[in-house]
Structures are given as C-alpha cells and as structure tokens.
Amino acid sequence: MKTCILQGSPRKHGNTAQLLAPFTEEMEKNGWDCGSIRLYDRDLKPCVACRRCQKDWRIFGCPLEDNMQEIFDAVLGCDLLVLATPIYSWYCTPPMKAVLDRLVYGMNKYYGEEKGPSLWAGKHLALITTCGYRPEAGADLWEAGVTRYCRHSQLRYAGMLAERHMGYGTVFMDAEKAERARAFAQGLCGQAWAEGGAV
C-alpha cells in the first residue's frame, strides 16, 4: 500500500517535519510505502480557472508548466493521501492551497461541457497539522474545509492529527506527541484499505 505525503511547511526541520517522523516510521513499520513531497521545494503555480484540464478525462491536462504533474501522478498512484501542513491564519500554507485548487480541477472532471468522473474517487485522505492555538480553535476550519473537499471529490476522509505548539520559546516535539503520531498511523494502517472499507 502506498502513502503520498504532501508536506506544506516552509521549514525543512520544523514542527510539521518533526511530527511526520514518528508517523512515517510507524507507517513503514506496518508495511506501507511512504513517499513525501515538500511543496516549498517545488515550482507550483496557482490555478487560473482556464478549464483546459476538463478536455481530456484520462489525464491531468493542466497547461501550466511547473511541477504539478509530478504531484498529480503521485496522488493518483497512492492509496492514502496525507496533507501535512502548519496552520497559518486558520488554514493551510499557500503552496498546499495551490495544490488543492489544481487537484480539485485536474482530478475532478466535473467542469467541462459534460460532467465527467472523479479520477481519484475512493482514495483515503488524512491530515497532519501543527498550530499555535488549541486544535479545536486553530485547526477546525482547515478540517471542515477538507471534509467538504473530500465529499465533493468522492474521497474518504480518514481523520486529523493536530498538535499545538505552545510558543516560539518552547520545544515543540515530545514523547507524548510522538506516541500520538504513531497511534494515528496505527489507526490508519488498521483500516480495511484493500477491501475499500470506509474509515
């Protein structure tokens, strides 16, 4: 089984990366192949709503020349998509938002002259999030937006791991956070993915 992790933090070794380390380790321990893409390392343009991606239902079809085709291929080839991002102003970081906008059109062929299929229907999607507020007040809008995004795209929402950073002068990662990250991974691995069971 394949996991595609889209990492939306600008900091290579920041809070999000630290939280991902035990999560990824646990996923791989359970036999999952985890691929990770750092979005800040890629050239990613925002969607311009040209709808040219709607002309061919078999491919991504976006005319913008950047690294988005790589991400499309990785997402299409995975069983579980993980969006890992810090929360900025109650939502994801700019490159993550750009990717989601591009994928909602490139994957969902709903917007042309005829309504087409969702190319990623049935895939599972999970969130790993770090924020400065209590998660129920800091990450709740992000989760609500992604939940609606999943319904629209015919994805199966698999849940969110959200951890709080208490301030710039404090250490973020600790044993309890690492254990919760491992437990979150175990919960995802324990689902009947191969049988297509809902999470």
N, C-alpha and C. Protein backbone atom coordinates (compact mmCIF):
# COMPACT_ATOMS: atom_id res chain seq x y z
N MET A 1 0.84 -1.19 0.00
CA MET A 1 0.00 0.00 0.00
C MET A 1 0.88 1.25 0.00
N LYS A 2 0.43 2.27 -0.71
CA LYS A 2 1.24 3.48 -0.88
C LYS A 2 0.60 4.68 -0.20
N THR A 3 1.46 5.43 0.48
CA THR A 3 1.05 6.70 1.08
C THR A 3 1.79 7.83 0.38
N CYS A 4 1.07 8.85 -0.03
CA CYS A 4 1.68 10.06 -0.57
C CYS A 4 1.50 11.16 0.46
N ILE A 5 2.61 11.68 0.97
CA ILE A 5 2.57 12.75 1.96
C ILE A 5 2.96 14.05 1.26
N LEU A 6 2.06 15.01 1.26
CA LEU A 6 2.35 16.35 0.75
C LEU A 6 2.67 17.22 1.95
N GLN A 7 3.92 17.67 2.02
CA GLN A 7 4.40 18.41 3.18
C GLN A 7 4.41 19.88 2.86
N GLY A 8 3.56 20.64 3.56
CA GLY A 8 3.34 22.04 3.22
C GLY A 8 4.03 23.06 4.11
N SER A 9 5.06 22.65 4.86
CA SER A 9 5.76 23.60 5.72
C SER A 9 6.95 24.21 5.00
N PRO A 10 7.21 25.50 5.21
CA PRO A 10 8.39 26.12 4.61
C PRO A 10 9.68 25.72 5.32
N ARG A 11 9.58 25.15 6.51
CA ARG A 11 10.76 24.79 7.29
C ARG A 11 11.03 23.28 7.18
N LYS A 12 12.21 22.93 6.68
CA LYS A 12 12.53 21.52 6.44
C LYS A 12 12.55 20.69 7.73
N HIS A 13 12.94 21.32 8.83
CA HIS A 13 13.07 20.58 10.08
C HIS A 13 12.17 21.17 11.16
N GLY A 14 11.07 21.78 10.74
CA GLY A 14 10.16 22.43 11.68
C GLY A 14 9.21 21.47 12.37
N ASN A 15 8.19 22.02 12.97
CA ASN A 15 7.24 21.23 13.77
C ASN A 15 6.55 20.14 12.94
N THR A 16 6.13 20.50 11.73
CA THR A 16 5.42 19.54 10.89
C THR A 16 6.32 18.36 10.54
N ALA A 17 7.56 18.64 10.18
CA ALA A 17 8.51 17.58 9.86
C ALA A 17 8.78 16.70 11.08
N GLN A 18 8.88 17.30 12.24
CA GLN A 18 9.13 16.53 13.46
C GLN A 18 7.96 15.60 13.77
N LEU A 19 6.75 16.07 13.54
CA LEU A 19 5.57 15.25 13.80
C LEU A 19 5.44 14.14 12.77
N LEU A 20 5.88 14.42 11.55
CA LEU A 20 5.80 13.41 10.49
C LEU A 20 6.77 12.25 10.71
N ALA A 21 7.90 12.50 11.39
CA ALA A 21 8.93 11.47 11.52
C ALA A 21 8.42 10.20 12.20
N PRO A 22 7.81 10.27 13.40
CA PRO A 22 7.30 9.04 14.00
C PRO A 22 6.10 8.46 13.26
N PHE A 23 5.30 9.33 12.65
CA PHE A 23 4.17 8.86 11.86
C PHE A 23 4.65 8.01 10.69
N THR A 24 5.60 8.54 9.92
CA THR A 24 6.12 7.82 8.76
C THR A 24 6.82 6.54 9.17
N GLU A 25 7.58 6.61 10.25
CA GLU A 25 8.27 5.41 10.76
C GLU A 25 7.28 4.31 11.08
N GLU A 26 6.16 4.67 11.69
CA GLU A 26 5.15 3.67 12.06
C GLU A 26 4.44 3.13 10.82
N MET A 27 4.16 3.99 9.87
CA MET A 27 3.53 3.53 8.63
C MET A 27 4.43 2.51 7.93
N GLU A 28 5.70 2.83 7.81
CA GLU A 28 6.64 1.93 7.13
C GLU A 28 6.85 0.64 7.92
N LYS A 29 6.81 0.74 9.22
CA LYS A 29 6.91 -0.45 10.08
C LYS A 29 5.76 -1.41 9.81
N ASN A 30 4.62 -0.86 9.43
CA ASN A 30 3.43 -1.66 9.13
C ASN A 30 3.32 -2.02 7.64
N GLY A 31 4.39 -1.83 6.90
CA GLY A 31 4.44 -2.29 5.52
C GLY A 31 4.01 -1.31 4.46
N TRP A 32 3.78 -0.05 4.84
CA TRP A 32 3.35 0.95 3.85
C TRP A 32 4.56 1.60 3.20
N ASP A 33 4.46 1.87 1.93
CA ASP A 33 5.47 2.61 1.18
C ASP A 33 5.11 4.09 1.25
N CYS A 34 5.94 4.87 1.93
CA CYS A 34 5.63 6.29 2.14
C CYS A 34 6.51 7.17 1.26
N GLY A 35 5.88 7.90 0.37
CA GLY A 35 6.57 8.90 -0.43
C GLY A 35 6.19 10.28 0.06
N SER A 36 7.17 11.18 0.12
CA SER A 36 6.91 12.53 0.64
C SER A 36 7.39 13.57 -0.36
N ILE A 37 6.58 14.61 -0.55
CA ILE A 37 6.93 15.71 -1.44
C ILE A 37 6.85 17.02 -0.65
N ARG A 38 7.99 17.73 -0.56
CA ARG A 38 8.00 19.04 0.10
C ARG A 38 7.54 20.08 -0.91
N LEU A 39 6.40 20.68 -0.65
CA LEU A 39 5.81 21.59 -1.63
C LEU A 39 6.63 22.86 -1.80
N TYR A 40 7.31 23.31 -0.76
CA TYR A 40 8.13 24.52 -0.88
C TYR A 40 9.38 24.29 -1.73
N ASP A 41 9.70 23.02 -2.03
CA ASP A 41 10.82 22.71 -2.91
C ASP A 41 10.40 22.64 -4.38
N ARG A 42 9.11 22.79 -4.64
CA ARG A 42 8.59 22.65 -5.99
C ARG A 42 8.13 23.99 -6.54
N ASP A 43 8.10 24.06 -7.86
CA ASP A 43 7.52 25.22 -8.55
C ASP A 43 6.04 24.93 -8.75
N LEU A 44 5.19 25.66 -8.05
CA LEU A 44 3.75 25.40 -8.07
C LEU A 44 3.00 26.70 -8.31
N LYS A 45 2.36 26.77 -9.43
CA LYS A 45 1.60 27.98 -9.77
C LYS A 45 0.15 27.84 -9.31
N PRO A 46 -0.52 28.94 -9.05
CA PRO A 46 -1.94 28.87 -8.70
C PRO A 46 -2.81 28.57 -9.91
N CYS A 47 -3.95 27.96 -9.66
CA CYS A 47 -4.91 27.69 -10.72
C CYS A 47 -5.41 29.00 -11.32
N VAL A 48 -5.59 29.03 -12.65
CA VAL A 48 -6.09 30.23 -13.32
C VAL A 48 -7.49 29.99 -13.90
N ALA A 49 -8.11 28.88 -13.56
CA ALA A 49 -9.50 28.59 -13.95
C ALA A 49 -9.71 28.62 -15.46
N CYS A 50 -8.73 28.12 -16.22
CA CYS A 50 -8.88 28.10 -17.67
C CYS A 50 -9.73 26.91 -18.15
N ARG A 51 -9.87 25.90 -17.31
CA ARG A 51 -10.68 24.70 -17.55
C ARG A 51 -10.15 23.82 -18.69
N ARG A 52 -8.92 24.05 -19.13
CA ARG A 52 -8.37 23.18 -20.18
C ARG A 52 -8.15 21.77 -19.67
N CYS A 53 -8.02 21.61 -18.36
CA CYS A 53 -7.87 20.27 -17.78
C CYS A 53 -9.13 19.42 -17.96
N GLN A 54 -10.24 20.04 -18.32
CA GLN A 54 -11.51 19.31 -18.46
C GLN A 54 -11.68 18.67 -19.84
N LYS A 55 -10.79 18.95 -20.77
CA LYS A 55 -10.97 18.47 -22.14
C LYS A 55 -10.69 16.98 -22.31
N ASP A 56 -9.77 16.44 -21.49
CA ASP A 56 -9.43 15.01 -21.59
C ASP A 56 -9.61 14.39 -20.21
N TRP A 57 -10.55 13.47 -20.08
CA TRP A 57 -10.88 12.88 -18.79
C TRP A 57 -9.87 11.83 -18.33
N ARG A 58 -8.89 11.50 -19.15
CA ARG A 58 -7.93 10.45 -18.80
C ARG A 58 -6.67 10.99 -18.15
N ILE A 59 -6.42 12.30 -18.26
CA ILE A 59 -5.15 12.87 -17.83
C ILE A 59 -5.37 14.10 -16.96
N PHE A 60 -4.26 14.57 -16.35
CA PHE A 60 -4.30 15.80 -15.57
C PHE A 60 -4.71 16.97 -16.46
N GLY A 61 -3.98 17.18 -17.53
CA GLY A 61 -4.41 18.12 -18.56
C GLY A 61 -4.20 19.59 -18.27
N CYS A 62 -3.44 19.93 -17.23
CA CYS A 62 -3.23 21.34 -16.93
C CYS A 62 -2.13 21.90 -17.83
N PRO A 63 -2.36 23.06 -18.46
CA PRO A 63 -1.35 23.63 -19.38
C PRO A 63 -0.22 24.38 -18.67
N LEU A 64 -0.36 24.66 -17.38
CA LEU A 64 0.68 25.41 -16.67
C LEU A 64 1.95 24.56 -16.57
N GLU A 65 3.08 25.16 -16.84
CA GLU A 65 4.35 24.45 -16.84
C GLU A 65 5.05 24.64 -15.49
N ASP A 66 4.91 23.63 -14.64
CA ASP A 66 5.55 23.65 -13.33
C ASP A 66 5.68 22.20 -12.86
N ASN A 67 5.76 21.97 -11.55
CA ASN A 67 5.96 20.63 -11.01
C ASN A 67 4.67 19.93 -10.62
N MET A 68 3.52 20.45 -11.04
CA MET A 68 2.25 19.89 -10.59
C MET A 68 1.97 18.52 -11.18
N GLN A 69 2.46 18.22 -12.35
CA GLN A 69 2.23 16.90 -12.94
C GLN A 69 2.83 15.81 -12.05
N GLU A 70 4.00 16.05 -11.47
CA GLU A 70 4.63 15.10 -10.55
C GLU A 70 3.71 14.82 -9.36
N ILE A 71 3.11 15.86 -8.83
CA ILE A 71 2.23 15.69 -7.68
C ILE A 71 0.96 14.96 -8.08
N PHE A 72 0.40 15.32 -9.22
CA PHE A 72 -0.79 14.63 -9.72
C PHE A 72 -0.51 13.13 -9.85
N ASP A 73 0.61 12.76 -10.44
CA ASP A 73 0.94 11.36 -10.64
C ASP A 73 1.11 10.63 -9.31
N ALA A 74 1.77 11.28 -8.34
CA ALA A 74 1.99 10.67 -7.03
C ALA A 74 0.67 10.45 -6.30
N VAL A 75 -0.21 11.44 -6.37
CA VAL A 75 -1.52 11.32 -5.71
C VAL A 75 -2.36 10.25 -6.39
N LEU A 76 -2.37 10.22 -7.70
CA LEU A 76 -3.16 9.24 -8.42
C LEU A 76 -2.67 7.82 -8.14
N GLY A 77 -1.39 7.67 -7.87
CA GLY A 77 -0.82 6.35 -7.64
C GLY A 77 -0.84 5.87 -6.20
N CYS A 78 -1.36 6.67 -5.28
CA CYS A 78 -1.34 6.28 -3.87
C CYS A 78 -2.70 5.71 -3.42
N ASP A 79 -2.66 5.05 -2.27
CA ASP A 79 -3.88 4.57 -1.64
C ASP A 79 -4.35 5.54 -0.55
N LEU A 80 -3.39 6.19 0.09
CA LEU A 80 -3.67 7.15 1.15
C LEU A 80 -2.92 8.43 0.88
N LEU A 81 -3.63 9.55 0.86
CA LEU A 81 -3.04 10.87 0.70
C LEU A 81 -3.02 11.55 2.07
N VAL A 82 -1.85 12.02 2.49
CA VAL A 82 -1.71 12.74 3.75
C VAL A 82 -1.31 14.17 3.45
N LEU A 83 -2.11 15.11 3.92
CA LEU A 83 -1.80 16.53 3.81
C LEU A 83 -1.22 16.99 5.13
N ALA A 84 0.06 17.34 5.13
CA ALA A 84 0.75 17.74 6.36
C ALA A 84 1.12 19.22 6.24
N THR A 85 0.57 20.03 7.12
CA THR A 85 0.78 21.47 7.00
C THR A 85 0.67 22.16 8.36
N PRO A 86 1.47 23.21 8.58
CA PRO A 86 1.17 24.09 9.70
C PRO A 86 -0.06 24.93 9.34
N ILE A 87 -0.70 25.43 10.35
CA ILE A 87 -1.86 26.28 10.14
C ILE A 87 -1.42 27.74 10.17
N TYR A 88 -1.69 28.45 9.09
CA TYR A 88 -1.44 29.89 9.00
C TYR A 88 -2.80 30.56 8.80
N SER A 89 -3.20 31.43 9.72
CA SER A 89 -4.49 32.13 9.61
C SER A 89 -5.63 31.15 9.41
N TRP A 90 -5.65 30.10 10.22
CA TRP A 90 -6.74 29.12 10.28
C TRP A 90 -6.86 28.22 9.05
N TYR A 91 -5.83 28.23 8.20
CA TYR A 91 -5.90 27.32 7.05
C TYR A 91 -4.50 26.87 6.67
N CYS A 92 -4.36 26.13 5.59
CA CYS A 92 -3.08 25.58 5.18
C CYS A 92 -2.19 26.67 4.59
N THR A 93 -0.96 26.31 4.32
CA THR A 93 0.01 27.24 3.73
C THR A 93 -0.28 27.45 2.23
N PRO A 94 0.23 28.53 1.65
CA PRO A 94 -0.09 28.85 0.25
C PRO A 94 0.20 27.74 -0.77
N PRO A 95 1.35 27.05 -0.72
CA PRO A 95 1.55 26.01 -1.74
C PRO A 95 0.58 24.85 -1.60
N MET A 96 0.18 24.52 -0.38
CA MET A 96 -0.81 23.46 -0.19
C MET A 96 -2.15 23.88 -0.79
N LYS A 97 -2.53 25.12 -0.58
CA LYS A 97 -3.79 25.62 -1.16
C LYS A 97 -3.72 25.59 -2.69
N ALA A 98 -2.58 25.98 -3.25
CA ALA A 98 -2.43 25.95 -4.71
C ALA A 98 -2.57 24.52 -5.24
N VAL A 99 -1.97 23.58 -4.55
CA VAL A 99 -2.06 22.17 -4.95
C VAL A 99 -3.50 21.68 -4.88
N LEU A 100 -4.20 22.00 -3.81
CA LEU A 100 -5.59 21.55 -3.67
C LEU A 100 -6.48 22.15 -4.75
N ASP A 101 -6.25 23.40 -5.09
CA ASP A 101 -7.03 24.03 -6.16
C ASP A 101 -6.76 23.35 -7.50
N ARG A 102 -5.50 23.07 -7.77
CA ARG A 102 -5.15 22.41 -9.04
C ARG A 102 -5.70 20.99 -9.09
N LEU A 103 -5.64 20.27 -7.97
CA LEU A 103 -6.12 18.89 -7.95
C LEU A 103 -7.64 18.80 -8.06
N VAL A 104 -8.35 19.74 -7.45
CA VAL A 104 -9.81 19.65 -7.48
C VAL A 104 -10.34 19.78 -8.90
N TYR A 105 -9.60 20.50 -9.75
CA TYR A 105 -9.99 20.59 -11.16
C TYR A 105 -9.37 19.46 -11.97
N GLY A 106 -8.07 19.22 -11.81
CA GLY A 106 -7.41 18.20 -12.61
C GLY A 106 -7.89 16.79 -12.33
N MET A 107 -8.26 16.51 -11.09
CA MET A 107 -8.75 15.18 -10.72
C MET A 107 -10.26 15.04 -10.96
N ASN A 108 -10.99 16.11 -10.74
CA ASN A 108 -12.45 16.06 -10.87
C ASN A 108 -12.86 16.67 -12.22
N LYS A 109 -13.28 15.83 -13.11
CA LYS A 109 -13.64 16.30 -14.45
C LYS A 109 -15.14 16.68 -14.49
N TYR A 110 -15.49 17.57 -13.58
CA TYR A 110 -16.89 17.97 -13.40
C TYR A 110 -17.25 19.25 -14.15
N TYR A 111 -16.27 19.95 -14.68
CA TYR A 111 -16.47 21.36 -15.01
C TYR A 111 -16.42 21.68 -16.50
N GLY A 112 -16.47 20.67 -17.34
CA GLY A 112 -16.46 20.91 -18.77
C GLY A 112 -17.86 20.98 -19.35
N GLU A 113 -17.97 20.79 -20.64
CA GLU A 113 -19.28 20.84 -21.30
C GLU A 113 -20.16 19.69 -20.83
N GLU A 114 -19.54 18.55 -20.49
CA GLU A 114 -20.25 17.43 -19.88
C GLU A 114 -19.57 17.09 -18.57
N LYS A 115 -20.33 16.60 -17.61
CA LYS A 115 -19.75 16.22 -16.33
C LYS A 115 -19.07 14.86 -16.46
N GLY A 116 -17.78 14.83 -16.12
CA GLY A 116 -17.01 13.61 -16.19
C GLY A 116 -16.78 12.99 -14.82
N PRO A 117 -15.82 12.07 -14.73
CA PRO A 117 -15.59 11.34 -13.48
C PRO A 117 -14.65 12.06 -12.52
N SER A 118 -14.60 11.54 -11.31
CA SER A 118 -13.55 11.88 -10.36
C SER A 118 -12.46 10.83 -10.50
N LEU A 119 -11.27 11.23 -10.93
CA LEU A 119 -10.21 10.27 -11.19
C LEU A 119 -9.64 9.65 -9.91
N TRP A 120 -9.86 10.31 -8.77
CA TRP A 120 -9.32 9.80 -7.51
C TRP A 120 -10.41 9.34 -6.55
N ALA A 121 -11.58 9.10 -7.05
CA ALA A 121 -12.70 8.65 -6.20
C ALA A 121 -12.31 7.41 -5.40
N GLY A 122 -12.65 7.42 -4.13
CA GLY A 122 -12.41 6.26 -3.27
C GLY A 122 -11.10 6.29 -2.52
N LYS A 123 -10.19 7.20 -2.88
CA LYS A 123 -8.93 7.27 -2.14
C LYS A 123 -9.18 7.85 -0.75
N HIS A 124 -8.31 7.46 0.19
CA HIS A 124 -8.42 7.96 1.55
C HIS A 124 -7.50 9.16 1.75
N LEU A 125 -7.95 10.10 2.55
CA LEU A 125 -7.18 11.32 2.81
C LEU A 125 -7.16 11.60 4.31
N ALA A 126 -5.97 11.87 4.84
CA ALA A 126 -5.80 12.19 6.26
C ALA A 126 -5.02 13.49 6.39
N LEU A 127 -5.15 14.12 7.55
CA LEU A 127 -4.48 15.39 7.82
C LEU A 127 -3.51 15.26 8.99
N ILE A 128 -2.35 15.87 8.86
CA ILE A 128 -1.41 16.05 9.97
C ILE A 128 -1.11 17.54 10.04
N THR A 129 -1.41 18.13 11.18
CA THR A 129 -1.43 19.58 11.29
C THR A 129 -0.76 20.05 12.57
N THR A 130 -0.04 21.15 12.49
CA THR A 130 0.51 21.80 13.68
C THR A 130 -0.01 23.23 13.72
N CYS A 131 -0.29 23.69 14.92
CA CYS A 131 -0.87 25.04 15.06
C CYS A 131 -0.50 25.66 16.40
N GLY A 132 -0.68 26.96 16.50
CA GLY A 132 -0.34 27.69 17.71
C GLY A 132 -1.49 27.82 18.70
N TYR A 133 -2.70 27.54 18.25
CA TYR A 133 -3.86 27.59 19.12
C TYR A 133 -4.28 26.16 19.47
N ARG A 134 -5.22 26.05 20.40
CA ARG A 134 -5.81 24.73 20.66
C ARG A 134 -6.37 24.20 19.34
N PRO A 135 -6.17 22.93 19.02
CA PRO A 135 -6.62 22.42 17.72
C PRO A 135 -8.09 22.67 17.42
N GLU A 136 -8.93 22.63 18.43
CA GLU A 136 -10.36 22.85 18.18
C GLU A 136 -10.66 24.30 17.81
N ALA A 137 -9.71 25.21 18.07
CA ALA A 137 -9.88 26.60 17.68
C ALA A 137 -8.88 27.03 16.61
N GLY A 138 -7.87 26.18 16.35
CA GLY A 138 -6.85 26.53 15.39
C GLY A 138 -6.92 25.75 14.09
N ALA A 139 -7.27 24.47 14.20
CA ALA A 139 -7.27 23.60 13.01
C ALA A 139 -8.66 23.19 12.57
N ASP A 140 -9.68 23.67 13.26
CA ASP A 140 -11.05 23.22 12.98
C ASP A 140 -11.54 23.67 11.60
N LEU A 141 -11.21 24.88 11.19
CA LEU A 141 -11.68 25.36 9.89
C LEU A 141 -10.98 24.63 8.75
N TRP A 142 -9.72 24.32 8.94
CA TRP A 142 -8.97 23.53 7.96
C TRP A 142 -9.62 22.15 7.80
N GLU A 143 -9.92 21.51 8.92
CA GLU A 143 -10.55 20.19 8.84
C GLU A 143 -11.93 20.28 8.19
N ALA A 144 -12.69 21.30 8.53
CA ALA A 144 -14.02 21.45 7.94
C ALA A 144 -13.92 21.64 6.43
N GLY A 145 -12.97 22.45 5.99
CA GLY A 145 -12.79 22.68 4.56
C GLY A 145 -12.39 21.41 3.83
N VAL A 146 -11.47 20.65 4.42
CA VAL A 146 -11.02 19.42 3.78
C VAL A 146 -12.12 18.36 3.77
N THR A 147 -12.91 18.31 4.82
CA THR A 147 -14.02 17.36 4.86
C THR A 147 -14.99 17.61 3.71
N ARG A 148 -15.30 18.88 3.47
CA ARG A 148 -16.18 19.22 2.34
C ARG A 148 -15.49 18.92 1.01
N TYR A 149 -14.21 19.21 0.93
CA TYR A 149 -13.40 18.92 -0.26
C TYR A 149 -13.46 17.42 -0.57
N CYS A 150 -13.36 16.59 0.45
CA CYS A 150 -13.42 15.14 0.25
C CYS A 150 -14.78 14.70 -0.26
N ARG A 151 -15.84 15.23 0.31
CA ARG A 151 -17.18 14.87 -0.16
C ARG A 151 -17.35 15.24 -1.63
N HIS A 152 -16.90 16.42 -1.98
CA HIS A 152 -17.02 16.90 -3.35
C HIS A 152 -16.23 16.03 -4.33
N SER A 153 -15.07 15.58 -3.88
CA SER A 153 -14.15 14.83 -4.75
C SER A 153 -14.34 13.32 -4.65
N GLN A 154 -15.29 12.87 -3.83
CA GLN A 154 -15.54 11.45 -3.63
C GLN A 154 -14.35 10.74 -2.98
N LEU A 155 -13.66 11.46 -2.10
CA LEU A 155 -12.58 10.91 -1.30
C LEU A 155 -13.12 10.46 0.05
N ARG A 156 -12.40 9.59 0.72
CA ARG A 156 -12.80 9.11 2.04
C ARG A 156 -11.94 9.80 3.09
N TYR A 157 -12.56 10.65 3.89
CA TYR A 157 -11.82 11.38 4.91
C TYR A 157 -11.46 10.44 6.06
N ALA A 158 -10.16 10.40 6.41
CA ALA A 158 -9.67 9.42 7.37
C ALA A 158 -9.30 10.01 8.73
N GLY A 159 -9.48 11.33 8.91
CA GLY A 159 -9.21 11.92 10.21
C GLY A 159 -8.01 12.85 10.23
N MET A 160 -7.83 13.50 11.39
CA MET A 160 -6.78 14.51 11.54
C MET A 160 -6.01 14.30 12.84
N LEU A 161 -4.70 14.42 12.73
CA LEU A 161 -3.82 14.54 13.90
C LEU A 161 -3.40 16.00 13.96
N ALA A 162 -3.76 16.68 15.03
CA ALA A 162 -3.41 18.10 15.19
C ALA A 162 -2.68 18.29 16.51
N GLU A 163 -1.52 18.92 16.46
CA GLU A 163 -0.72 19.15 17.67
C GLU A 163 -0.39 20.63 17.79
N ARG A 164 -0.42 21.10 19.04
CA ARG A 164 -0.23 22.51 19.32
C ARG A 164 1.20 22.82 19.74
N HIS A 165 1.71 23.95 19.25
CA HIS A 165 2.99 24.47 19.71
C HIS A 165 2.69 25.61 20.69
N MET A 166 3.26 25.54 21.87
CA MET A 166 2.91 26.50 22.92
C MET A 166 3.65 27.84 22.80
N GLY A 167 4.51 28.00 21.84
CA GLY A 167 5.17 29.29 21.67
C GLY A 167 6.58 29.14 21.14
N TYR A 168 7.11 30.21 20.55
CA TYR A 168 8.41 30.15 19.91
C TYR A 168 9.54 29.85 20.89
N GLY A 169 9.35 30.15 22.14
CA GLY A 169 10.40 29.89 23.12
C GLY A 169 10.31 28.51 23.75
N THR A 170 9.46 27.66 23.23
CA THR A 170 9.27 26.34 23.82
C THR A 170 9.64 25.25 22.81
N VAL A 171 9.93 24.08 23.32
CA VAL A 171 10.22 22.92 22.47
C VAL A 171 8.89 22.31 22.03
N PHE A 172 8.75 22.08 20.73
CA PHE A 172 7.50 21.53 20.21
C PHE A 172 7.37 20.03 20.45
N MET A 173 8.33 19.27 19.99
CA MET A 173 8.18 17.82 19.97
C MET A 173 8.52 17.22 21.32
N ASP A 174 7.71 16.24 21.73
CA ASP A 174 7.97 15.49 22.95
C ASP A 174 7.48 14.06 22.77
N ALA A 175 7.68 13.24 23.78
CA ALA A 175 7.34 11.81 23.70
C ALA A 175 5.84 11.60 23.52
N GLU A 176 5.02 12.44 24.12
CA GLU A 176 3.57 12.27 24.01
C GLU A 176 3.10 12.56 22.58
N LYS A 177 3.62 13.59 21.97
CA LYS A 177 3.26 13.89 20.58
C LYS A 177 3.72 12.76 19.66
N ALA A 178 4.92 12.26 19.89
CA ALA A 178 5.43 11.16 19.06
C ALA A 178 4.54 9.93 19.19
N GLU A 179 4.10 9.65 20.41
CA GLU A 179 3.24 8.49 20.62
C GLU A 179 1.88 8.68 19.94
N ARG A 180 1.34 9.89 19.98
CA ARG A 180 0.06 10.14 19.31
C ARG A 180 0.23 10.03 17.79
N ALA A 181 1.37 10.45 17.28
CA ALA A 181 1.63 10.32 15.83
C ALA A 181 1.69 8.85 15.44
N ARG A 182 2.34 8.03 16.26
CA ARG A 182 2.41 6.59 15.98
C ARG A 182 1.02 5.96 16.07
N ALA A 183 0.26 6.38 17.06
CA ALA A 183 -1.09 5.83 17.22
C ALA A 183 -1.98 6.21 16.04
N PHE A 184 -1.82 7.43 15.55
CA PHE A 184 -2.60 7.86 14.38
C PHE A 184 -2.26 6.99 13.18
N ALA A 185 -0.96 6.74 12.99
CA ALA A 185 -0.53 5.87 11.88
C ALA A 185 -1.09 4.46 12.05
N GLN A 186 -1.05 3.93 13.25
CA GLN A 186 -1.57 2.59 13.51
C GLN A 186 -3.06 2.53 13.20
N GLY A 187 -3.78 3.57 13.55
CA GLY A 187 -5.21 3.61 13.26
C GLY A 187 -5.49 3.58 11.77
N LEU A 188 -4.68 4.31 11.01
CA LEU A 188 -4.85 4.30 9.56
C LEU A 188 -4.49 2.94 8.97
N CYS A 189 -3.41 2.36 9.47
CA CYS A 189 -2.97 1.05 8.96
C CYS A 189 -3.98 -0.05 9.30
N GLY A 190 -4.72 0.14 10.38
CA GLY A 190 -5.65 -0.90 10.82
C GLY A 190 -6.94 -0.96 10.04
N GLN A 191 -7.15 0.01 9.14
CA GLN A 191 -8.38 0.03 8.36
C GLN A 191 -8.32 -0.97 7.21
N ALA A 192 -9.47 -1.37 6.74
CA ALA A 192 -9.53 -2.34 5.64
C ALA A 192 -9.39 -1.63 4.30
N TRP A 193 -8.17 -1.07 4.05
CA TRP A 193 -7.95 -0.28 2.85
C TRP A 193 -8.15 -1.10 1.59
N ALA A 194 -7.54 -2.28 1.59
CA ALA A 194 -7.56 -3.09 0.37
C ALA A 194 -8.98 -3.49 -0.03
N GLU A 195 -9.84 -3.64 0.97
CA GLU A 195 -11.23 -4.01 0.69
C GLU A 195 -12.10 -2.80 0.37
N GLY A 196 -11.50 -1.62 0.44
CA GLY A 196 -12.25 -0.41 0.13
C GLY A 196 -13.18 0.02 1.25
N GLY A 197 -12.90 -0.44 2.47
CA GLY A 197 -13.78 -0.09 3.57
C GLY A 197 -13.66 1.35 3.96
N ALA A 198 -14.73 1.95 4.40
CA ALA A 198 -14.73 3.35 4.82
C ALA A 198 -13.98 3.47 6.15
N VAL A 199 -13.29 4.59 6.32
CA VAL A 199 -12.59 4.84 7.56
C VAL A 199 -13.52 5.46 8.58
